[in-house]
Full PDB file with SEQRES, HELIX, SHEET, SSBOND, CRYST1, ORIGX, SCALE, CONECT and MASTER records, all heavy atoms in Angstrom:
SEQRES   1 A   41  VAL GLN ALA GLY GLY SER LEU ARG LEU SER CYS VAL VAL          
SEQRES   2 A   41  SER GLY SER PRO GLY ARG ILE ASN SER PHE GLY TRP TYR          
SEQRES   3 A   41  ARG GLN ALA PRO GLY ARG GLU LEU VAL ALA ARG ILE THR          
SEQRES   4 A   41  ARG GLY                                                      
SHEET    1 AA1 2 SER A  22  GLN A  28  0                                        
SHEET    2 AA1 2 ARG A  32  THR A  39 -1                                        
CRYST1    1.000    1.000    1.000  90.00  90.00  90.00 P 1           1          
ORIGX1      1.000000  0.000000  0.000000        0.00000                         
ORIGX2      0.000000  1.000000  0.000000        0.00000                         
ORIGX3      0.000000  0.000000  1.000000        0.00000                         
SCALE1      1.000000  0.000000  0.000000        0.00000                         
SCALE2      0.000000  1.000000  0.000000        0.00000                         
SCALE3      0.000000  0.000000  1.000000        0.00000                         
ATOM      1  N   VAL A   1     127.850 -29.531 158.131  1.00  0.00           N  
ATOM      2  CA  VAL A   1     127.605 -30.894 157.723  1.00  0.00           C  
ATOM      3  C   VAL A   1     127.320 -30.955 156.255  1.00  0.00           C  
ATOM      4  O   VAL A   1     126.979 -30.000 155.556  1.00  0.00           O  
ATOM      5  CB  VAL A   1     126.328 -31.314 158.591  1.00  0.00           C  
ATOM      6  CG1 VAL A   1     125.046 -30.496 158.102  1.00  0.00           C  
ATOM      7  CG2 VAL A   1     126.072 -32.739 158.430  1.00  0.00           C  
ATOM      8  N   GLN A   2     127.526 -32.187 155.687  1.00  0.00           N  
ATOM      9  CA  GLN A   2     127.405 -32.415 154.441  1.00  0.00           C  
ATOM     10  C   GLN A   2     125.836 -32.546 154.081  1.00  0.00           C  
ATOM     11  O   GLN A   2     125.263 -33.037 155.029  1.00  0.00           O  
ATOM     12  CB  GLN A   2     128.125 -33.655 153.856  1.00  0.00           C  
ATOM     13  CG  GLN A   2     129.634 -33.397 153.711  1.00  0.00           C  
ATOM     14  CD  GLN A   2     130.316 -34.541 153.099  1.00  0.00           C  
ATOM     15  OE1 GLN A   2     129.949 -35.721 153.195  1.00  0.00           O  
ATOM     16  NE2 GLN A   2     131.443 -34.343 152.395  1.00  0.00           N  
ATOM     17  N   ALA A   3     125.423 -32.246 152.816  1.00  0.00           N  
ATOM     18  CA  ALA A   3     124.118 -32.501 152.420  1.00  0.00           C  
ATOM     19  C   ALA A   3     123.690 -34.095 152.754  1.00  0.00           C  
ATOM     20  O   ALA A   3     124.474 -34.933 152.395  1.00  0.00           O  
ATOM     21  CB  ALA A   3     123.798 -32.110 150.988  1.00  0.00           C  
ATOM     22  N   GLY A   4     122.505 -34.261 153.243  1.00  0.00           N  
ATOM     23  CA  GLY A   4     122.189 -35.581 153.604  1.00  0.00           C  
ATOM     24  C   GLY A   4     122.428 -36.052 155.013  1.00  0.00           C  
ATOM     25  O   GLY A   4     121.970 -36.976 155.538  1.00  0.00           O  
ATOM     26  N   GLY A   5     123.193 -35.214 155.681  1.00  0.00           N  
ATOM     27  CA  GLY A   5     123.591 -35.507 157.073  1.00  0.00           C  
ATOM     28  C   GLY A   5     122.576 -35.102 158.089  1.00  0.00           C  
ATOM     29  O   GLY A   5     121.581 -34.621 157.660  1.00  0.00           O  
ATOM     30  N   SER A   6     122.966 -35.128 159.369  1.00  0.00           N  
ATOM     31  CA  SER A   6     121.975 -34.760 160.488  1.00  0.00           C  
ATOM     32  C   SER A   6     122.774 -33.971 161.510  1.00  0.00           C  
ATOM     33  O   SER A   6     123.927 -34.040 161.680  1.00  0.00           O  
ATOM     34  CB  SER A   6     121.568 -36.081 161.093  1.00  0.00           C  
ATOM     35  OG  SER A   6     120.817 -36.818 160.294  1.00  0.00           O  
ATOM     36  N   LEU A   7     121.957 -33.130 162.208  1.00  0.00           N  
ATOM     37  CA  LEU A   7     122.467 -32.364 163.346  1.00  0.00           C  
ATOM     38  C   LEU A   7     121.274 -32.360 164.355  1.00  0.00           C  
ATOM     39  O   LEU A   7     120.060 -32.426 163.998  1.00  0.00           O  
ATOM     40  CB  LEU A   7     122.800 -30.981 162.976  1.00  0.00           C  
ATOM     41  CG  LEU A   7     124.071 -30.727 162.261  1.00  0.00           C  
ATOM     42  CD1 LEU A   7     124.249 -29.168 161.751  1.00  0.00           C  
ATOM     43  CD2 LEU A   7     125.226 -31.052 163.069  1.00  0.00           C  
ATOM     44  N   ARG A   8     121.590 -32.233 165.564  1.00  0.00           N  
ATOM     45  CA  ARG A   8     120.582 -32.016 166.661  1.00  0.00           C  
ATOM     46  C   ARG A   8     120.960 -30.743 167.390  1.00  0.00           C  
ATOM     47  O   ARG A   8     122.035 -30.492 168.005  1.00  0.00           O  
ATOM     48  CB  ARG A   8     120.611 -33.152 167.650  1.00  0.00           C  
ATOM     49  CG  ARG A   8     119.406 -32.991 168.555  1.00  0.00           C  
ATOM     50  CD  ARG A   8     119.162 -34.203 169.549  1.00  0.00           C  
ATOM     51  NE  ARG A   8     120.043 -34.154 170.610  1.00  0.00           N  
ATOM     52  CZ  ARG A   8     119.742 -34.706 171.873  1.00  0.00           C  
ATOM     53  NH1 ARG A   8     118.647 -35.463 171.894  1.00  0.00           N  
ATOM     54  NH2 ARG A   8     120.551 -34.641 172.829  1.00  0.00           N  
ATOM     55  N   LEU A   9     120.022 -29.750 167.328  1.00  0.00           N  
ATOM     56  CA  LEU A   9     120.108 -28.485 168.078  1.00  0.00           C  
ATOM     57  C   LEU A   9     119.530 -28.578 169.456  1.00  0.00           C  
ATOM     58  O   LEU A   9     118.551 -29.270 169.552  1.00  0.00           O  
ATOM     59  CB  LEU A   9     119.561 -27.407 167.334  1.00  0.00           C  
ATOM     60  CG  LEU A   9     119.976 -27.096 165.813  1.00  0.00           C  
ATOM     61  CD1 LEU A   9     119.280 -25.870 165.289  1.00  0.00           C  
ATOM     62  CD2 LEU A   9     121.436 -27.034 165.701  1.00  0.00           C  
ATOM     63  N   SER A  10     120.122 -27.972 170.363  1.00  0.00           N  
ATOM     64  CA  SER A  10     119.513 -27.836 171.638  1.00  0.00           C  
ATOM     65  C   SER A  10     119.347 -26.487 172.210  1.00  0.00           C  
ATOM     66  O   SER A  10     119.994 -25.632 171.775  1.00  0.00           O  
ATOM     67  CB  SER A  10     120.554 -28.541 172.740  1.00  0.00           C  
ATOM     68  OG  SER A  10     120.690 -29.933 172.466  1.00  0.00           O  
ATOM     69  N   CYS A  11     118.390 -26.241 173.025  1.00  0.00           N  
ATOM     70  CA  CYS A  11     118.005 -24.905 173.537  1.00  0.00           C  
ATOM     71  C   CYS A  11     117.745 -25.170 175.059  1.00  0.00           C  
ATOM     72  O   CYS A  11     116.841 -26.013 175.356  1.00  0.00           O  
ATOM     73  CB  CYS A  11     116.869 -24.427 172.810  1.00  0.00           C  
ATOM     74  SG  CYS A  11     116.162 -22.836 173.521  1.00  0.00           S  
ATOM     75  N   VAL A  12     118.484 -24.449 175.786  1.00  0.00           N  
ATOM     76  CA  VAL A  12     118.342 -24.432 177.225  1.00  0.00           C  
ATOM     77  C   VAL A  12     117.948 -23.089 177.771  1.00  0.00           C  
ATOM     78  O   VAL A  12     118.490 -22.098 177.414  1.00  0.00           O  
ATOM     79  CB  VAL A  12     119.535 -24.891 177.976  1.00  0.00           C  
ATOM     80  CG1 VAL A  12     119.323 -24.944 179.469  1.00  0.00           C  
ATOM     81  CG2 VAL A  12     119.952 -26.280 177.440  1.00  0.00           C  
ATOM     82  N   VAL A  13     116.844 -22.986 178.526  1.00  0.00           N  
ATOM     83  CA  VAL A  13     116.350 -21.835 179.188  1.00  0.00           C  
ATOM     84  C   VAL A  13     116.728 -21.759 180.643  1.00  0.00           C  
ATOM     85  O   VAL A  13     116.491 -22.837 181.318  1.00  0.00           O  
ATOM     86  CB  VAL A  13     114.937 -21.648 178.915  1.00  0.00           C  
ATOM     87  CG1 VAL A  13     114.317 -20.292 179.528  1.00  0.00           C  
ATOM     88  CG2 VAL A  13     114.442 -21.815 177.507  1.00  0.00           C  
ATOM     89  N   SER A  14     117.214 -20.683 181.099  1.00  0.00           N  
ATOM     90  CA  SER A  14     117.419 -20.472 182.511  1.00  0.00           C  
ATOM     91  C   SER A  14     116.850 -19.159 183.003  1.00  0.00           C  
ATOM     92  O   SER A  14     116.485 -18.312 182.151  1.00  0.00           O  
ATOM     93  CB  SER A  14     118.940 -20.564 182.713  1.00  0.00           C  
ATOM     94  OG  SER A  14     119.590 -19.398 182.130  1.00  0.00           O  
ATOM     95  N   GLY A  15     116.664 -19.091 184.228  1.00  0.00           N  
ATOM     96  CA  GLY A  15     116.036 -17.819 184.779  1.00  0.00           C  
ATOM     97  C   GLY A  15     114.575 -18.157 184.969  1.00  0.00           C  
ATOM     98  O   GLY A  15     114.121 -19.313 185.171  1.00  0.00           O  
ATOM     99  N   SER A  16     113.709 -17.020 184.981  1.00  0.00           N  
ATOM    100  CA  SER A  16     112.286 -17.182 185.155  1.00  0.00           C  
ATOM    101  C   SER A  16     111.474 -16.554 184.098  1.00  0.00           C  
ATOM    102  O   SER A  16     110.997 -15.437 184.129  1.00  0.00           O  
ATOM    103  CB  SER A  16     112.054 -16.413 186.571  1.00  0.00           C  
ATOM    104  OG  SER A  16     112.706 -17.074 187.534  1.00  0.00           O  
ATOM    105  N   PRO A  17     111.205 -17.294 183.042  1.00  0.00           N  
ATOM    106  CA  PRO A  17     110.529 -16.772 181.858  1.00  0.00           C  
ATOM    107  C   PRO A  17     108.993 -16.824 182.201  1.00  0.00           C  
ATOM    108  O   PRO A  17     108.255 -16.325 181.364  1.00  0.00           O  
ATOM    109  CB  PRO A  17     110.838 -17.711 180.666  1.00  0.00           C  
ATOM    110  CG  PRO A  17     111.150 -19.010 181.398  1.00  0.00           C  
ATOM    111  CD  PRO A  17     111.759 -18.717 182.700  1.00  0.00           C  
ATOM    112  N   GLY A  18     108.587 -17.394 183.402  1.00  0.00           N  
ATOM    113  CA  GLY A  18     107.278 -17.623 183.534  1.00  0.00           C  
ATOM    114  C   GLY A  18     106.662 -19.015 182.997  1.00  0.00           C  
ATOM    115  O   GLY A  18     107.613 -19.705 182.458  1.00  0.00           O  
ATOM    116  N   ARG A  19     105.476 -19.089 182.991  1.00  0.00           N  
ATOM    117  CA  ARG A  19     104.993 -20.376 182.365  1.00  0.00           C  
ATOM    118  C   ARG A  19     105.269 -20.372 180.885  1.00  0.00           C  
ATOM    119  O   ARG A  19     104.862 -19.675 180.170  1.00  0.00           O  
ATOM    120  CB  ARG A  19     103.585 -20.550 182.676  1.00  0.00           C  
ATOM    121  CG  ARG A  19     102.931 -21.948 182.361  1.00  0.00           C  
ATOM    122  CD  ARG A  19     101.500 -21.977 182.756  1.00  0.00           C  
ATOM    123  NE  ARG A  19     101.008 -23.285 182.742  1.00  0.00           N  
ATOM    124  CZ  ARG A  19      99.668 -23.644 182.997  1.00  0.00           C  
ATOM    125  NH1 ARG A  19      98.859 -22.697 183.206  1.00  0.00           N  
ATOM    126  NH2 ARG A  19      99.434 -24.876 183.065  1.00  0.00           N  
ATOM    127  N   ILE A  20     106.020 -21.519 180.446  1.00  0.00           N  
ATOM    128  CA  ILE A  20     106.333 -21.604 179.039  1.00  0.00           C  
ATOM    129  C   ILE A  20     105.141 -22.072 178.253  1.00  0.00           C  
ATOM    130  O   ILE A  20     104.808 -23.284 178.463  1.00  0.00           O  
ATOM    131  CB  ILE A  20     107.555 -22.367 178.806  1.00  0.00           C  
ATOM    132  CG1 ILE A  20     108.850 -21.731 179.519  1.00  0.00           C  
ATOM    133  CG2 ILE A  20     107.853 -22.551 177.324  1.00  0.00           C  
ATOM    134  CD1 ILE A  20     110.116 -22.582 179.449  1.00  0.00           C  
ATOM    135  N   ASN A  21     104.775 -21.238 177.328  1.00  0.00           N  
ATOM    136  CA  ASN A  21     103.643 -21.577 176.525  1.00  0.00           C  
ATOM    137  C   ASN A  21     104.013 -22.349 175.215  1.00  0.00           C  
ATOM    138  O   ASN A  21     103.273 -23.337 174.697  1.00  0.00           O  
ATOM    139  CB  ASN A  21     102.730 -20.445 176.088  1.00  0.00           C  
ATOM    140  CG  ASN A  21     102.208 -19.699 177.274  1.00  0.00           C  
ATOM    141  OD1 ASN A  21     101.532 -20.321 178.153  1.00  0.00           O  
ATOM    142  ND2 ASN A  21     102.475 -18.392 177.382  1.00  0.00           N  
ATOM    143  N   SER A  22     105.127 -21.930 174.624  1.00  0.00           N  
ATOM    144  CA  SER A  22     105.653 -22.752 173.588  1.00  0.00           C  
ATOM    145  C   SER A  22     107.157 -22.475 173.419  1.00  0.00           C  
ATOM    146  O   SER A  22     107.617 -21.420 173.918  1.00  0.00           O  
ATOM    147  CB  SER A  22     104.867 -22.348 172.376  1.00  0.00           C  
ATOM    148  OG  SER A  22     105.226 -21.045 172.056  1.00  0.00           O  
ATOM    149  N   PHE A  23     107.789 -23.374 172.858  1.00  0.00           N  
ATOM    150  CA  PHE A  23     109.161 -23.274 172.429  1.00  0.00           C  
ATOM    151  C   PHE A  23     109.079 -23.228 170.771  1.00  0.00           C  
ATOM    152  O   PHE A  23     108.236 -23.891 170.164  1.00  0.00           O  
ATOM    153  CB  PHE A  23     110.024 -24.427 172.649  1.00  0.00           C  
ATOM    154  CG  PHE A  23     110.484 -24.533 174.071  1.00  0.00           C  
ATOM    155  CD1 PHE A  23     109.671 -25.378 174.927  1.00  0.00           C  
ATOM    156  CD2 PHE A  23     111.590 -23.990 174.527  1.00  0.00           C  
ATOM    157  CE1 PHE A  23     110.089 -25.495 176.273  1.00  0.00           C  
ATOM    158  CE2 PHE A  23     111.969 -24.129 175.860  1.00  0.00           C  
ATOM    159  CZ  PHE A  23     111.271 -24.909 176.770  1.00  0.00           C  
ATOM    160  N   GLY A  24     109.959 -22.390 170.155  1.00  0.00           N  
ATOM    161  CA  GLY A  24     110.043 -22.388 168.643  1.00  0.00           C  
ATOM    162  C   GLY A  24     111.372 -22.347 168.256  1.00  0.00           C  
ATOM    163  O   GLY A  24     112.281 -21.735 168.945  1.00  0.00           O  
ATOM    164  N   TRP A  25     111.566 -22.970 167.107  1.00  0.00           N  
ATOM    165  CA  TRP A  25     112.907 -22.791 166.301  1.00  0.00           C  
ATOM    166  C   TRP A  25     112.660 -22.000 165.101  1.00  0.00           C  
ATOM    167  O   TRP A  25     111.843 -22.274 164.351  1.00  0.00           O  
ATOM    168  CB  TRP A  25     113.503 -24.200 165.997  1.00  0.00           C  
ATOM    169  CG  TRP A  25     114.136 -24.817 167.107  1.00  0.00           C  
ATOM    170  CD1 TRP A  25     113.527 -25.924 167.876  1.00  0.00           C  
ATOM    171  CD2 TRP A  25     115.451 -24.656 167.670  1.00  0.00           C  
ATOM    172  NE1 TRP A  25     114.439 -26.354 168.790  1.00  0.00           N  
ATOM    173  CE2 TRP A  25     115.527 -25.598 168.705  1.00  0.00           C  
ATOM    174  CE3 TRP A  25     116.525 -23.754 167.363  1.00  0.00           C  
ATOM    175  CZ2 TRP A  25     116.851 -25.614 169.500  1.00  0.00           C  
ATOM    176  CZ3 TRP A  25     117.635 -23.883 168.131  1.00  0.00           C  
ATOM    177  CH2 TRP A  25     117.772 -24.774 169.177  1.00  0.00           C  
ATOM    178  N   TYR A  26     113.396 -20.920 164.964  1.00  0.00           N  
ATOM    179  CA  TYR A  26     113.355 -20.077 163.762  1.00  0.00           C  
ATOM    180  C   TYR A  26     114.749 -20.070 163.088  1.00  0.00           C  
ATOM    181  O   TYR A  26     115.720 -20.407 163.684  1.00  0.00           O  
ATOM    182  CB  TYR A  26     113.093 -18.590 164.112  1.00  0.00           C  
ATOM    183  CG  TYR A  26     111.594 -18.421 164.636  1.00  0.00           C  
ATOM    184  CD1 TYR A  26     111.254 -18.865 165.928  1.00  0.00           C  
ATOM    185  CD2 TYR A  26     110.706 -17.761 163.843  1.00  0.00           C  
ATOM    186  CE1 TYR A  26     109.904 -18.662 166.259  1.00  0.00           C  
ATOM    187  CE2 TYR A  26     109.401 -17.524 164.272  1.00  0.00           C  
ATOM    188  CZ  TYR A  26     109.058 -17.989 165.491  1.00  0.00           C  
ATOM    189  OH  TYR A  26     107.629 -17.854 165.863  1.00  0.00           O  
ATOM    190  N   ARG A  27     114.801 -19.634 161.800  1.00  0.00           N  
ATOM    191  CA  ARG A  27     115.964 -19.550 161.184  1.00  0.00           C  
ATOM    192  C   ARG A  27     115.957 -18.238 160.269  1.00  0.00           C  
ATOM    193  O   ARG A  27     114.988 -17.808 159.828  1.00  0.00           O  
ATOM    194  CB  ARG A  27     116.345 -20.765 160.217  1.00  0.00           C  
ATOM    195  CG  ARG A  27     115.363 -21.066 159.050  1.00  0.00           C  
ATOM    196  CD  ARG A  27     115.725 -22.415 158.521  1.00  0.00           C  
ATOM    197  NE  ARG A  27     114.797 -22.712 157.458  1.00  0.00           N  
ATOM    198  CZ  ARG A  27     114.773 -23.834 156.812  1.00  0.00           C  
ATOM    199  NH1 ARG A  27     115.596 -24.917 157.172  1.00  0.00           N  
ATOM    200  NH2 ARG A  27     113.868 -24.125 155.757  1.00  0.00           N  
ATOM    201  N   GLN A  28     117.181 -17.794 160.109  1.00  0.00           N  
ATOM    202  CA  GLN A  28     117.322 -16.556 159.424  1.00  0.00           C  
ATOM    203  C   GLN A  28     118.290 -16.731 158.172  1.00  0.00           C  
ATOM    204  O   GLN A  28     119.407 -16.999 158.518  1.00  0.00           O  
ATOM    205  CB  GLN A  28     117.736 -15.467 160.264  1.00  0.00           C  
ATOM    206  CG  GLN A  28     117.780 -14.000 159.667  1.00  0.00           C  
ATOM    207  CD  GLN A  28     117.394 -12.929 160.594  1.00  0.00           C  
ATOM    208  OE1 GLN A  28     117.409 -13.102 161.865  1.00  0.00           O  
ATOM    209  NE2 GLN A  28     117.035 -11.871 160.030  1.00  0.00           N  
ATOM    210  N   ALA A  29     117.835 -16.530 156.956  1.00  0.00           N  
ATOM    211  CA  ALA A  29     118.666 -16.537 155.798  1.00  0.00           C  
ATOM    212  C   ALA A  29     117.941 -16.208 154.587  1.00  0.00           C  
ATOM    213  O   ALA A  29     117.616 -17.216 153.851  1.00  0.00           O  
ATOM    214  CB  ALA A  29     119.339 -17.965 155.797  1.00  0.00           C  
ATOM    215  N   PRO A  30     117.674 -14.986 154.295  1.00  0.00           N  
ATOM    216  CA  PRO A  30     117.950 -13.791 155.127  1.00  0.00           C  
ATOM    217  C   PRO A  30     116.847 -13.455 156.078  1.00  0.00           C  
ATOM    218  O   PRO A  30     117.087 -12.975 157.145  1.00  0.00           O  
ATOM    219  CB  PRO A  30     118.240 -12.716 153.974  1.00  0.00           C  
ATOM    220  CG  PRO A  30     117.309 -13.252 152.979  1.00  0.00           C  
ATOM    221  CD  PRO A  30     117.405 -14.600 152.895  1.00  0.00           C  
ATOM    222  N   GLY A  31     115.656 -13.595 155.640  1.00  0.00           N  
ATOM    223  CA  GLY A  31     114.445 -13.243 156.570  1.00  0.00           C  
ATOM    224  C   GLY A  31     114.288 -14.390 157.609  1.00  0.00           C  
ATOM    225  O   GLY A  31     114.884 -15.520 157.448  1.00  0.00           O  
ATOM    226  N   ARG A  32     113.657 -14.117 158.679  1.00  0.00           N  
ATOM    227  CA  ARG A  32     113.453 -15.003 159.767  1.00  0.00           C  
ATOM    228  C   ARG A  32     112.094 -15.738 159.574  1.00  0.00           C  
ATOM    229  O   ARG A  32     111.151 -15.205 159.415  1.00  0.00           O  
ATOM    230  CB  ARG A  32     113.494 -14.269 161.180  1.00  0.00           C  
ATOM    231  CG  ARG A  32     113.550 -15.133 162.319  1.00  0.00           C  
ATOM    232  CD  ARG A  32     113.838 -14.526 163.530  1.00  0.00           C  
ATOM    233  NE  ARG A  32     115.143 -14.005 163.703  1.00  0.00           N  
ATOM    234  CZ  ARG A  32     115.739 -13.622 164.783  1.00  0.00           C  
ATOM    235  NH1 ARG A  32     115.011 -13.539 165.920  1.00  0.00           N  
ATOM    236  NH2 ARG A  32     116.818 -13.119 164.723  1.00  0.00           N  
ATOM    237  N   GLU A  33     112.276 -17.082 159.593  1.00  0.00           N  
ATOM    238  CA  GLU A  33     111.097 -17.893 159.424  1.00  0.00           C  
ATOM    239  C   GLU A  33     110.910 -18.954 160.571  1.00  0.00           C  
ATOM    240  O   GLU A  33     111.926 -19.413 161.130  1.00  0.00           O  
ATOM    241  CB  GLU A  33     111.112 -18.496 158.087  1.00  0.00           C  
ATOM    242  CG  GLU A  33     112.172 -19.696 157.899  1.00  0.00           C  
ATOM    243  CD  GLU A  33     112.065 -20.517 156.720  1.00  0.00           C  
ATOM    244  OE1 GLU A  33     111.021 -20.420 155.994  1.00  0.00           O  
ATOM    245  OE2 GLU A  33     112.993 -21.180 156.319  1.00  0.00           O  
ATOM    246  N   LEU A  34     109.744 -19.196 160.843  1.00  0.00           N  
ATOM    247  CA  LEU A  34     109.462 -20.341 161.767  1.00  0.00           C  
ATOM    248  C   LEU A  34     109.773 -21.713 161.157  1.00  0.00           C  
ATOM    249  O   LEU A  34     109.364 -22.035 160.045  1.00  0.00           O  
ATOM    250  CB  LEU A  34     107.989 -20.354 162.251  1.00  0.00           C  
ATOM    251  CG  LEU A  34     107.557 -21.487 163.192  1.00  0.00           C  
ATOM    252  CD1 LEU A  34     108.184 -21.444 164.507  1.00  0.00           C  
ATOM    253  CD2 LEU A  34     106.063 -21.518 163.195  1.00  0.00           C  
ATOM    254  N   VAL A  35     110.607 -22.483 161.903  1.00  0.00           N  
ATOM    255  CA  VAL A  35     110.909 -23.786 161.341  1.00  0.00           C  
ATOM    256  C   VAL A  35     110.073 -24.825 162.045  1.00  0.00           C  
ATOM    257  O   VAL A  35     109.487 -25.761 161.388  1.00  0.00           O  
ATOM    258  CB  VAL A  35     112.365 -24.168 161.674  1.00  0.00           C  
ATOM    259  CG1 VAL A  35     112.747 -25.585 161.283  1.00  0.00           C  
ATOM    260  CG2 VAL A  35     113.339 -23.157 161.016  1.00  0.00           C  
ATOM    261  N   ALA A  36     109.936 -24.722 163.415  1.00  0.00           N  
ATOM    262  CA  ALA A  36     109.151 -25.709 164.114  1.00  0.00           C  
ATOM    263  C   ALA A  36     108.740 -25.066 165.540  1.00  0.00           C  
ATOM    264  O   ALA A  36     109.432 -24.269 166.057  1.00  0.00           O  
ATOM    265  CB  ALA A  36     109.946 -26.913 164.408  1.00  0.00           C  
ATOM    266  N   ARG A  37     107.544 -25.513 166.120  1.00  0.00           N  
ATOM    267  CA  ARG A  37     107.173 -25.094 167.286  1.00  0.00           C  
ATOM    268  C   ARG A  37     106.499 -26.201 168.048  1.00  0.00           C  
ATOM    269  O   ARG A  37     105.846 -27.076 167.474  1.00  0.00           O  
ATOM    270  CB  ARG A  37     106.195 -23.883 167.183  1.00  0.00           C  
ATOM    271  CG  ARG A  37     105.572 -23.396 168.510  1.00  0.00           C  
ATOM    272  CD  ARG A  37     104.931 -22.014 168.224  1.00  0.00           C  
ATOM    273  NE  ARG A  37     104.172 -22.122 167.093  1.00  0.00           N  
ATOM    274  CZ  ARG A  37     103.880 -20.939 166.318  1.00  0.00           C  
ATOM    275  NH1 ARG A  37     104.398 -19.808 166.517  1.00  0.00           N  
ATOM    276  NH2 ARG A  37     103.037 -21.077 165.292  1.00  0.00           N  
ATOM    277  N   ILE A  38     106.672 -26.174 169.341  1.00  0.00           N  
ATOM    278  CA  ILE A  38     105.975 -27.148 170.209  1.00  0.00           C  
ATOM    279  C   ILE A  38     105.360 -26.414 171.469  1.00  0.00           C  
ATOM    280  O   ILE A  38     105.997 -25.610 172.058  1.00  0.00           O  
ATOM    281  CB  ILE A  38     106.891 -28.278 170.753  1.00  0.00           C  
ATOM    282  CG1 ILE A  38     106.234 -29.327 171.513  1.00  0.00           C  
ATOM    283  CG2 ILE A  38     108.053 -27.674 171.555  1.00  0.00           C  
ATOM    284  CD1 ILE A  38     106.962 -30.594 171.728  1.00  0.00           C  
ATOM    285  N   THR A  39     104.124 -26.709 171.592  1.00  0.00           N  
ATOM    286  CA  THR A  39     103.337 -26.032 172.727  1.00  0.00           C  
ATOM    287  C   THR A  39     103.541 -26.739 173.969  1.00  0.00           C  
ATOM    288  O   THR A  39     104.026 -27.814 174.132  1.00  0.00           O  
ATOM    289  CB  THR A  39     101.855 -25.981 172.450  1.00  0.00           C  
ATOM    290  OG1 THR A  39     101.249 -27.227 172.496  1.00  0.00           O  
ATOM    291  CG2 THR A  39     101.632 -25.260 170.989  1.00  0.00           C  
ATOM    292  N   ARG A  40     102.965 -26.084 175.054  1.00  0.00           N  
ATOM    293  CA  ARG A  40     103.078 -26.687 176.305  1.00  0.00           C  
ATOM    294  C   ARG A  40     102.246 -28.012 176.355  1.00  0.00           C  
ATOM    295  O   ARG A  40     102.675 -29.007 177.154  1.00  0.00           O  
ATOM    296  CB  ARG A  40     102.394 -25.656 177.399  1.00  0.00           C  
ATOM    297  CG  ARG A  40     102.598 -26.165 178.795  1.00  0.00           C  
ATOM    298  CD  ARG A  40     101.975 -25.084 179.839  1.00  0.00           C  
ATOM    299  NE  ARG A  40     100.623 -24.947 179.694  1.00  0.00           N  
ATOM    300  CZ  ARG A  40     100.036 -23.756 179.315  1.00  0.00           C  
ATOM    301  NH1 ARG A  40     100.846 -22.716 178.963  1.00  0.00           N  
ATOM    302  NH2 ARG A  40      98.792 -23.682 179.295  1.00  0.00           N  
ATOM    303  N   GLY A  41     101.267 -28.095 175.619  1.00  0.00           N  
ATOM    304  CA  GLY A  41     100.506 -29.347 175.587  1.00  0.00           C  
ATOM    305  C   GLY A  41     101.037 -30.301 174.670  1.00  0.00           C  
ATOM    306  O   GLY A  41     100.571 -31.405 174.438  1.00  0.00           O  
TER     307      GLY A  41                                                      
MASTER        0    0    0    0    2    0    0    6  306    1    0    4          
END                                                                             
């Protein structure tokens, strides 16, 4: 995408992870950093 543009990422979980306490988005370039997180609440 060009600078100034938009994208929407999706994440789908299947199987049995147990009760989901939080989802997080991380990015790596080069180290891995937390971008955003949302808790069960």
